[in-house]
Protein backbone atom coordinates (compact mmCIF):
# COMPACT_ATOMS: atom_id res chain seq x y z
CA MET A 1 30.77 51.94 -14.96
CA GLU A 2 34.43 51.94 -15.85
CA LYS A 3 36.50 50.15 -13.20
CA ASN A 4 39.27 52.72 -13.51
CA ALA A 5 36.91 55.39 -12.20
CA VAL A 6 37.33 53.85 -8.74
CA THR A 7 40.66 54.80 -7.17
CA THR A 8 43.10 52.37 -5.61
CA ARG A 9 42.39 53.72 -2.13
CA GLU A 10 38.66 53.35 -2.71
CA ARG A 11 39.22 49.74 -3.77
CA GLU A 12 41.32 49.11 -0.66
CA THR A 13 38.53 50.58 1.46
CA LEU A 14 36.02 48.31 -0.29
CA ALA A 15 38.21 45.27 0.35
CA LEU A 16 38.32 45.98 4.07
CA LEU A 17 34.60 46.79 4.18
CA SER A 18 33.85 43.50 2.43
CA ARG A 19 35.75 41.69 5.21
CA GLY A 20 33.30 43.12 7.72
CA LEU A 21 35.49 45.81 9.23
CA LYS A 22 33.82 48.87 10.73
CA PHE A 23 34.72 52.29 9.38
CA LYS A 24 36.82 53.05 12.46
CA GLU A 25 38.72 49.76 12.02
CA ILE A 26 39.28 50.52 8.34
CA ALA A 27 40.68 53.94 9.25
CA SER A 28 43.08 52.38 11.73
CA GLU A 29 44.16 49.64 9.31
CA MET A 30 44.79 52.10 6.48
CA GLY A 31 46.29 54.84 8.63
CA ILE A 32 43.71 57.40 7.53
CA THR A 33 41.00 59.36 9.31
CA LEU A 34 37.46 58.12 9.84
CA ARG A 35 36.31 61.06 7.75
CA THR A 36 38.45 59.88 4.82
CA VAL A 37 37.00 56.36 5.06
CA VAL A 38 33.48 57.80 4.93
CA ALA A 39 34.49 59.94 1.94
CA HIS A 40 35.88 56.90 0.09
CA VAL A 41 32.75 54.84 0.77
CA GLU A 42 30.40 57.65 -0.22
CA SER A 43 32.39 58.31 -3.39
CA VAL A 44 32.21 54.68 -4.51
CA LYS A 45 28.53 54.46 -3.55
CA LYS A 46 27.87 57.41 -5.85
CA LYS A 47 30.01 55.99 -8.67
CA LEU A 48 28.25 52.60 -8.55
CA GLY A 49 24.79 53.89 -7.69
CA ALA A 50 24.64 51.90 -4.44
CA ARG A 51 21.93 52.58 -1.86
CA ASN A 52 23.83 51.30 1.20
CA ALA A 53 26.97 49.41 2.22
CA VAL A 54 25.50 45.96 1.51
CA HIS A 55 24.38 47.04 -1.96
CA LEU A 56 27.80 48.62 -2.50
CA ILE A 57 29.67 45.38 -1.80
CA SER A 58 27.27 43.43 -4.02
CA LEU A 59 27.77 45.86 -6.91
CA ALA A 60 31.53 45.94 -6.36
CA TYR A 61 31.70 42.15 -6.80
CA LYS A 62 29.47 42.31 -9.89
CA GLU A 63 31.71 45.00 -11.39
CA GLY A 64 34.83 42.97 -10.67
CA LEU A 65 36.18 45.50 -8.19
CA LEU A 66 36.35 42.78 -5.54
CA ASN A 67 37.30 39.25 -6.46
CA GLY A 68 38.25 37.67 -3.17
CA SER A 69 41.97 38.16 -3.76
CA LEU A 70 42.02 41.93 -3.31
CA THR A 71 43.43 42.67 0.10
CA TYR A 72 44.84 45.73 1.73
CA GLN A 73 48.52 45.60 2.57
CA GLN A 74 49.84 48.10 5.08
CA PRO A 75 52.60 50.25 3.59
CA PRO A 76 56.01 49.60 5.17
CA THR A 77 56.80 51.82 8.12
CA ARG A 78 59.45 54.44 7.53
CA ALA A 79 62.70 54.29 9.43
CA LYS A 80 63.11 57.16 11.86
């Protein structure tokens, strides 16, 4: 599995998932819909061949997609 096949947003989703956040919390943190979070998780599960979320996080660490320092940073808010 080539690490570049996983998008930045998918990696950000993985980082939040690995911190124990629920999908709804991830959506709120990233400013995206719950449906988009599910799509990111399902996409990475397929790319890594993971059976479930726990297996996904385990494989992500093994592949070097998560290394403990990867965190999601909220984009700056735009001035109105």
